[in-house]
C-alpha atoms as a PDB file:
ATOM      1  CA  UNK A   1     -14.711 124.944  59.646  1.00  0.00           C
ATOM      2  CA  UNK A   2     -17.675 126.304  57.677  1.00  0.00           C
ATOM      3  CA  UNK A   3     -19.241 129.409  59.185  1.00  0.00           C
ATOM      4  CA  UNK A   4     -22.211 131.395  57.988  1.00  0.00           C
ATOM      5  CA  UNK A   5     -21.561 135.022  57.120  1.00  0.00           C
ATOM      6  CA  UNK A   6     -22.708 136.492  60.498  1.00  0.00           C
ATOM      7  CA  UNK A   7     -20.575 133.942  62.330  1.00  0.00           C
ATOM      8  CA  UNK A   8     -17.569 134.686  60.123  1.00  0.00           C
ATOM      9  CA  UNK A   9     -17.979 138.403  60.744  1.00  0.00           C
ATOM     10  CA  UNK A  10     -18.213 137.951  64.521  1.00  0.00           C
ATOM     11  CA  UNK A  11     -15.206 135.637  64.538  1.00  0.00           C
ATOM     12  CA  UNK A  12     -13.175 138.055  62.433  1.00  0.00           C
ATOM     13  CA  UNK A  13     -14.012 140.965  64.706  1.00  0.00           C
ATOM     14  CA  UNK A  14     -12.984 138.950  67.754  1.00  0.00           C
ATOM     15  CA  UNK A  15      -9.701 137.954  66.145  1.00  0.00           C
ATOM     16  CA  UNK A  16      -8.980 141.552  65.172  1.00  0.00           C
ATOM     17  CA  UNK A  17      -9.673 142.682  68.739  1.00  0.00           C
ATOM     18  CA  UNK A  18      -7.375 140.003  70.192  1.00  0.00           C
ATOM     19  CA  UNK A  19      -4.614 140.791  67.691  1.00  0.00           C
ATOM     20  CA  UNK A  20      -4.861 144.529  68.286  1.00  0.00           C
ATOM     21  CA  UNK A  21      -4.834 144.095  72.062  1.00  0.00           C
ATOM     22  CA  UNK A  22      -1.763 141.865  71.936  1.00  0.00           C
ATOM     23  CA  UNK A  23      -0.001 144.283  69.614  1.00  0.00           C
ATOM     24  CA  UNK A  24      -0.760 147.288  71.829  1.00  0.00           C
ATOM     25  CA  UNK A  25       0.406 145.447  74.936  1.00  0.00           C
ATOM     26  CA  UNK A  26       3.650 144.431  73.301  1.00  0.00           C
ATOM     27  CA  UNK A  27       4.293 147.940  71.955  1.00  0.00           C
ATOM     28  CA  UNK A  28       3.652 149.440  75.383  1.00  0.00           C
ATOM     29  CA  UNK A  29       6.125 147.009  76.898  1.00  0.00           C
ATOM     30  CA  UNK A  30       8.778 148.043  74.407  1.00  0.00           C
ATOM     31  CA  UNK A  31       8.158 151.778  74.767  1.00  0.00           C
ATOM     32  CA  UNK A  32       7.873 152.028  78.548  1.00  0.00           C
ATOM     33  CA  UNK A  33      10.933 153.757  79.961  1.00  0.00           C
ATOM     34  CA  UNK A  34      12.254 152.417  83.223  1.00  0.00           C
ATOM     35  CA  UNK A  35      15.183 152.583  85.597  1.00  0.00           C
ATOM     36  CA  UNK A  36      17.489 149.827  84.444  1.00  0.00           C
ATOM     37  CA  UNK A  37      19.855 150.215  87.379  1.00  0.00           C
ATOM     38  CA  UNK A  38      20.250 152.387  90.492  1.00  0.00           C
ATOM     39  CA  UNK A  39      22.887 151.909  93.147  1.00  0.00           C
ATOM     40  CA  UNK A  40      21.011 153.724  95.899  1.00  0.00           C
ATOM     41  CA  UNK A  41      18.044 155.890  96.792  1.00  0.00           C
ATOM     42  CA  UNK A  42      18.523 159.638  96.503  1.00  0.00           C
ATOM     43  CA  UNK A  43      19.653 161.395  99.681  1.00  0.00           C
ATOM     44  CA  UNK A  44      19.159 165.067 100.601  1.00  0.00           C
ATOM     45  CA  UNK A  45      19.960 167.412  97.711  1.00  0.00           C
ATOM     46  CA  UNK A  46      20.800 171.121  97.762  1.00  0.00           C
ATOM     47  CA  UNK A  47      24.159 170.603  99.499  1.00  0.00           C
ATOM     48  CA  UNK A  48      26.608 173.493  99.118  1.00  0.00           C
ATOM     49  CA  UNK A  49      30.153 172.826  97.934  1.00  0.00           C
ATOM     50  CA  UNK A  50      31.597 174.460 101.035  1.00  0.00           C
ATOM     51  CA  UNK A  51      29.713 171.963 103.202  1.00  0.00           C
ATOM     52  CA  UNK A  52      31.506 169.166 101.360  1.00  0.00           C
ATOM     53  CA  UNK A  53      34.891 170.872 101.781  1.00  0.00           C
ATOM     54  CA  UNK A  54      34.148 171.268 105.484  1.00  0.00           C
ATOM     55  CA  UNK A  55      33.051 167.602 105.602  1.00  0.00           C
ATOM     56  CA  UNK A  56      29.638 168.505 106.957  1.00  0.00           C
ATOM     57  CA  UNK A  57      28.428 166.268 104.131  1.00  0.00           C
ATOM     58  CA  UNK A  58      30.794 163.638 102.779  1.00  0.00           C
ATOM     59  CA  UNK A  59      31.639 163.251  99.109  1.00  0.00           C
ATOM     60  CA  UNK A  60      34.048 161.331  96.889  1.00  0.00           C
ATOM     61  CA  UNK A  61      36.263 163.181  94.417  1.00  0.00           C
ATOM     62  CA  UNK A  62      35.391 163.305  90.732  1.00  0.00           C
ATOM     63  CA  UNK A  63      38.209 164.973  88.778  1.00  0.00           C
ATOM     64  CA  UNK A  64      40.824 164.262  86.069  1.00  0.00           C
ATOM     65  CA  UNK A  65      42.902 161.963  88.286  1.00  0.00           C
ATOM     66  CA  UNK A  66      40.019 160.447  90.251  1.00  0.00           C
ATOM     67  CA  UNK A  67      37.079 158.548  88.724  1.00  0.00           C
ATOM     68  CA  UNK A  68      34.224 156.908  90.575  1.00  0.00           C
ATOM     69  CA  UNK A  69      31.598 154.384  89.522  1.00  0.00           C
ATOM     70  CA  UNK A  70      29.881 151.094  90.142  1.00  0.00           C
ATOM     71  CA  UNK A  71      29.672 147.609  88.665  1.00  0.00           C
ATOM     72  CA  UNK A  72      26.251 146.335  87.663  1.00  0.00           C
ATOM     73  CA  UNK A  73      24.746 143.226  86.119  1.00  0.00           C
ATOM     74  CA  UNK A  74      21.942 142.940  83.557  1.00  0.00           C
ATOM     75  CA  UNK A  75      19.876 139.779  83.193  1.00  0.00           C
ATOM     76  CA  UNK A  76      17.978 140.930  80.089  1.00  0.00           C
ATOM     77  CA  UNK A  77      18.928 142.865  76.951  1.00  0.00           C
ATOM     78  CA  UNK A  78      18.462 146.590  77.559  1.00  0.00           C
ATOM     79  CA  UNK A  79      18.814 149.919  75.776  1.00  0.00           C
ATOM     80  CA  UNK A  80      19.965 152.855  77.863  1.00  0.00           C
ATOM     81  CA  UNK A  81      18.617 156.380  77.385  1.00  0.00           C
ATOM     82  CA  UNK A  82      20.399 158.432  80.072  1.00  0.00           C
ATOM     83  CA  UNK A  83      22.792 158.038  82.975  1.00  0.00           C
ATOM     84  CA  UNK A  84      23.364 160.148  86.049  1.00  0.00           C
ATOM     85  CA  UNK A  85      23.752 160.435  89.770  1.00  0.00           C
ATOM     86  CA  UNK A  86      23.877 162.713  92.801  1.00  0.00           C
ATOM     87  CA  UNK A  87      26.781 165.167  92.433  1.00  0.00           C
ATOM     88  CA  UNK A  88      28.022 168.562  93.570  1.00  0.00           C
ATOM     89  CA  UNK A  89      30.708 170.890  92.251  1.00  0.00           C
ATOM     90  CA  UNK A  90      32.534 174.100  93.180  1.00  0.00           C
ATOM     91  CA  UNK A  91      30.811 176.011  90.390  1.00  0.00           C
ATOM     92  CA  UNK A  92      27.702 175.508  88.268  1.00  0.00           C
ATOM     93  CA  UNK A  93      28.085 174.492  84.620  1.00  0.00           C
ATOM     94  CA  UNK A  94      31.269 172.504  85.312  1.00  0.00           C
ATOM     95  CA  UNK A  95      31.245 169.330  83.206  1.00  0.00           C
ATOM     96  CA  UNK A  96      32.110 165.715  84.014  1.00  0.00           C
ATOM     97  CA  UNK A  97      31.834 162.600  81.846  1.00  0.00           C
ATOM     98  CA  UNK A  98      30.132 159.281  82.271  1.00  0.00           C
ATOM     99  CA  UNK A  99      30.966 156.028  80.497  1.00  0.00           C
ATOM    100  CA  UNK A 100      29.421 152.574  80.266  1.00  0.00           C
ATOM    101  CA  UNK A 101      32.083 149.879  80.112  1.00  0.00           C
ATOM    102  CA  UNK A 102      31.726 146.177  79.363  1.00  0.00           C
ATOM    103  CA  UNK A 103      33.277 143.874  81.982  1.00  0.00           C
ATOM    104  CA  UNK A 104      34.263 140.220  81.642  1.00  0.00           C
ATOM    105  CA  UNK A 105      32.818 139.291  85.042  1.00  0.00           C
ATOM    106  CA  UNK A 106      31.878 140.647  88.461  1.00  0.00           C
ATOM    107  CA  UNK A 107      35.559 141.051  89.438  1.00  0.00           C
ATOM    108  CA  UNK A 108      36.747 142.801  86.288  1.00  0.00           C
ATOM    109  CA  UNK A 109      37.882 146.430  85.948  1.00  0.00           C
ATOM    110  CA  UNK A 110      38.032 148.652  82.840  1.00  0.00           C
ATOM    111  CA  UNK A 111      40.868 147.686  80.511  1.00  0.00           C
ATOM    112  CA  UNK A 112      42.454 151.144  80.292  1.00  0.00           C
ATOM    113  CA  UNK A 113      43.216 154.201  82.420  1.00  0.00           C
ATOM    114  CA  UNK A 114      42.245 156.683  79.711  1.00  0.00           C
ATOM    115  CA  UNK A 115      39.142 154.665  78.717  1.00  0.00           C
ATOM    116  CA  UNK A 116      40.345 154.335  75.133  1.00  0.00           C
ATOM    117  CA  UNK A 117      39.888 150.565  74.772  1.00  0.00           C
ATOM    118  CA  UNK A 118      36.997 148.759  73.018  1.00  0.00           C
ATOM    119  CA  UNK A 119      35.387 147.802  76.333  1.00  0.00           C
ATOM    120  CA  UNK A 120      34.130 151.410  76.539  1.00  0.00           C
ATOM    121  CA  UNK A 121      30.706 151.222  74.879  1.00  0.00           C
ATOM    122  CA  UNK A 122      29.560 154.819  75.135  1.00  0.00           C
ATOM    123  CA  UNK A 123      30.175 158.160  76.844  1.00  0.00           C
ATOM    124  CA  UNK A 124      28.259 161.327  77.641  1.00  0.00           C
ATOM    125  CA  UNK A 125      28.717 164.636  79.481  1.00  0.00           C
ATOM    126  CA  UNK A 126      26.916 165.882  82.587  1.00  0.00           C
ATOM    127  CA  UNK A 127      26.707 169.455  83.886  1.00  0.00           C
ATOM    128  CA  UNK A 128      26.746 170.389  87.576  1.00  0.00           C
ATOM    129  CA  UNK A 129      24.033 172.536  89.084  1.00  0.00           C
ATOM    130  CA  UNK A 130      24.716 175.315  91.635  1.00  0.00           C
ATOM    131  CA  UNK A 131      23.828 173.063  94.581  1.00  0.00           C
ATOM    132  CA  UNK A 132      24.049 169.271  94.802  1.00  0.00           C
ATOM    133  CA  UNK A 133      21.405 167.512  92.756  1.00  0.00           C
ATOM    134  CA  UNK A 134      20.749 164.531  90.554  1.00  0.00           C
ATOM    135  CA  UNK A 135      22.192 165.283  87.135  1.00  0.00           C
ATOM    136  CA  UNK A 136      21.890 163.293  83.892  1.00  0.00           C
ATOM    137  CA  UNK A 137      23.408 162.986  80.453  1.00  0.00           C
ATOM    138  CA  UNK A 138      21.827 161.343  77.404  1.00  0.00           C
ATOM    139  CA  UNK A 139      23.450 158.052  76.479  1.00  0.00           C
ATOM    140  CA  UNK A 140      21.979 155.406  74.194  1.00  0.00           C
ATOM    141  CA  UNK A 141      23.745 152.040  74.278  1.00  0.00           C
ATOM    142  CA  UNK A 142      22.403 148.554  73.542  1.00  0.00           C
ATOM    143  CA  UNK A 143      23.478 146.151  76.282  1.00  0.00           C
ATOM    144  CA  UNK A 144      23.306 142.361  76.315  1.00  0.00           C
ATOM    145  CA  UNK A 145      22.969 140.412  79.575  1.00  0.00           C
ATOM    146  CA  UNK A 146      26.240 140.538  81.471  1.00  0.00           C
ATOM    147  CA  UNK A 147      28.465 142.673  83.688  1.00  0.00           C
ATOM    148  CA  UNK A 148      29.202 146.362  83.148  1.00  0.00           C
ATOM    149  CA  UNK A 149      30.622 149.414  84.900  1.00  0.00           C
ATOM    150  CA  UNK A 150      29.169 152.918  85.043  1.00  0.00           C
ATOM    151  CA  UNK A 151      32.060 155.367  85.513  1.00  0.00           C
ATOM    152  CA  UNK A 152      32.124 159.127  86.183  1.00  0.00           C
ATOM    153  CA  UNK A 153      35.182 161.358  85.914  1.00  0.00           C
ATOM    154  CA  UNK A 154      36.848 164.329  84.269  1.00  0.00           C
ATOM    155  CA  UNK A 155      39.811 165.109  82.031  1.00  0.00           C
ATOM    156  CA  UNK A 156      38.485 162.940  79.177  1.00  0.00           C
ATOM    157  CA  UNK A 157      35.874 163.277  76.413  1.00  0.00           C
ATOM    158  CA  UNK A 158      35.769 167.077  76.768  1.00  0.00           C
ATOM    159  CA  UNK A 159      35.026 167.071  80.505  1.00  0.00           C
ATOM    160  CA  UNK A 160      37.114 169.539  82.524  1.00  0.00           C
ATOM    161  CA  UNK A 161      35.126 169.971  85.754  1.00  0.00           C
ATOM    162  CA  UNK A 162      35.911 168.963  89.314  1.00  0.00           C
ATOM    163  CA  UNK A 163      33.338 167.832  91.828  1.00  0.00           C
ATOM    164  CA  UNK A 164      32.180 165.073  94.113  1.00  0.00           C
ATOM    165  CA  UNK A 165      29.720 162.212  94.274  1.00  0.00           C
ATOM    166  CA  UNK A 166      27.655 162.704  97.431  1.00  0.00           C
ATOM    167  CA  UNK A 167      27.861 159.993 100.098  1.00  0.00           C
ATOM    168  CA  UNK A 168      24.543 160.875 101.751  1.00  0.00           C
ATOM    169  CA  UNK A 169      22.464 158.372  99.790  1.00  0.00           C
ATOM    170  CA  UNK A 170      21.221 154.941 100.890  1.00  0.00           C
ATOM    171  CA  UNK A 171      22.561 151.907  99.052  1.00  0.00           C
ATOM    172  CA  UNK A 172      20.117 149.455  97.512  1.00  0.00           C
ATOM    173  CA  UNK A 173      21.432 146.013  98.342  1.00  0.00           C
ATOM    174  CA  UNK A 174      25.232 145.825  98.172  1.00  0.00           C
ATOM    175  CA  UNK A 175      26.462 147.843  95.172  1.00  0.00           C
ATOM    176  CA  UNK A 176      30.062 147.159  94.138  1.00  0.00           C
ATOM    177  CA  UNK A 177      31.540 150.655  93.853  1.00  0.00           C
ATOM    178  CA  UNK A 178      34.790 150.991  91.938  1.00  0.00           C
ATOM    179  CA  UNK A 179      36.972 153.842  90.751  1.00  0.00           C
ATOM    180  CA  UNK A 180      40.367 155.023  89.562  1.00  0.00           C
ATOM    181  CA  UNK A 181      42.941 157.170  91.325  1.00  0.00           C
ATOM    182  CA  UNK A 182      46.222 158.344  89.844  1.00  0.00           C
ATOM    183  CA  UNK A 183      49.165 156.456  91.336  1.00  0.00           C
ATOM    184  CA  UNK A 184      46.912 153.703  92.675  1.00  0.00           C
ATOM    185  CA  UNK A 185      44.925 152.505  89.661  1.00  0.00           C
ATOM    186  CA  UNK A 186      41.521 150.858  89.636  1.00  0.00           C
ATOM    187  CA  UNK A 187      40.073 149.645  92.904  1.00  0.00           C
ATOM    188  CA  UNK A 188      37.085 149.647  95.231  1.00  0.00           C
ATOM    189  CA  UNK A 189      35.438 152.819  96.514  1.00  0.00           C
ATOM    190  CA  UNK A 190      33.208 154.113  99.307  1.00  0.00           C
ATOM    191  CA  UNK A 191      29.493 153.191  99.600  1.00  0.00           C
ATOM    192  CA  UNK A 192      26.331 155.320  99.748  1.00  0.00           C
ATOM    193  CA  UNK A 193      26.475 156.917  96.327  1.00  0.00           C
ATOM    194  CA  UNK A 194      23.568 157.186  93.906  1.00  0.00           C
ATOM    195  CA  UNK A 195      24.258 156.280  90.279  1.00  0.00           C
ATOM    196  CA  UNK A 196      21.376 155.694  87.870  1.00  0.00           C
ATOM    197  CA  UNK A 197      20.765 154.263  84.394  1.00  0.00           C
ATOM    198  CA  UNK A 198      17.427 154.842  82.656  1.00  0.00           C
ATOM    199  CA  UNK A 199      16.233 153.112  79.496  1.00  0.00           C
ATOM    200  CA  UNK A 200      14.107 150.199  78.382  1.00  0.00           C
ATOM    201  CA  UNK A 201      14.341 146.460  78.944  1.00  0.00           C
ATOM    202  CA  UNK A 202      13.952 144.493  75.715  1.00  0.00           C
ATOM    203  CA  UNK A 203      11.345 141.701  76.065  1.00  0.00           C
ATOM    204  CA  UNK A 204      12.622 138.162  76.462  1.00  0.00           C
ATOM    205  CA  UNK A 205      12.029 135.548  73.699  1.00  0.00           C
ATOM    206  CA  UNK A 206       8.349 134.987  74.717  1.00  0.00           C
ATOM    207  CA  UNK A 207       7.746 138.481  73.391  1.00  0.00           C
ATOM    208  CA  UNK A 208       8.569 137.215  69.911  1.00  0.00           C
ATOM    209  CA  UNK A 209       6.020 134.473  70.442  1.00  0.00           C
ATOM    210  CA  UNK A 210       3.397 137.166  70.981  1.00  0.00           C
ATOM    211  CA  UNK A 211       4.396 138.698  67.662  1.00  0.00           C
ATOM    212  CA  UNK A 212       3.956 135.345  65.933  1.00  0.00           C
ATOM    213  CA  UNK A 213       0.531 134.900  67.501  1.00  0.00           C
ATOM    214  CA  UNK A 214      -0.553 138.333  66.327  1.00  0.00           C
ATOM    215  CA  UNK A 215       0.621 137.526  62.802  1.00  0.00           C
ATOM    216  CA  UNK A 216      -1.233 134.209  62.752  1.00  0.00           C
ATOM    217  CA  UNK A 217      -4.421 135.790  64.079  1.00  0.00           C
ATOM    218  CA  UNK A 218      -4.318 138.470  61.414  1.00  0.00           C
ATOM    219  CA  UNK A 219      -3.724 135.811  58.754  1.00  0.00           C
ATOM    220  CA  UNK A 220      -6.701 133.827  60.056  1.00  0.00           C
ATOM    221  CA  UNK A 221      -8.832 136.960  59.917  1.00  0.00           C
ATOM    222  CA  UNK A 222      -7.866 137.496  56.293  1.00  0.00           C
ATOM    223  CA  UNK A 223      -8.654 133.871  55.425  1.00  0.00           C
ATOM    224  CA  UNK A 224     -12.002 134.076  57.192  1.00  0.00           C
ATOM    225  CA  UNK A 225     -13.043 137.140  55.207  1.00  0.00           C
ATOM    226  CA  UNK A 226     -12.290 135.404  51.930  1.00  0.00           C
ATOM    227  CA  UNK A 227     -14.699 132.536  52.650  1.00  0.00           C
END
């Protein structure tokens, strides 16, 4: 197509605008942090440890011989940034661990008791506050679509604290809570806990199509300027 100079200039500017807009939109999609998974909405915080001991507020043990967690499924590739949940402990600054574990399917459990097998993809440490609250630990793991478990416990990975996962939250849907207890092994656990994974969802294949379009538009701009 033969265009006069003013037409070529206008066309080039339009192409640059379209390419830049597409690029910005795609970059924003990649950079936007989001909640990848949450098992429930956050219940009342600020619960004292004594209230849990007195069973005024219910909690599930998190200690060296008792882990708690939840299975979850991802439908798109994702990259985690932090994990956490609603916990309380007998003293502030006590530390527990969290681990993301790859599962074979929705009925699978972690392959090991001490979480030393290759299905463990990453771990982090979380520190209790004085009263119950949502606490987080940084954890960056690339996850493909599939089934996983988010596990919290103590006695491993430098964690030595004792505490509890609060049971005063409201489940979203029907989370499949699992855990480990010494002498019993892995099994199902009580509902109404809040466990959270934050990160980013990697765009599906159409996102790569956008990249190709941007490249072609920029190439067309360059060709147009040469004429």
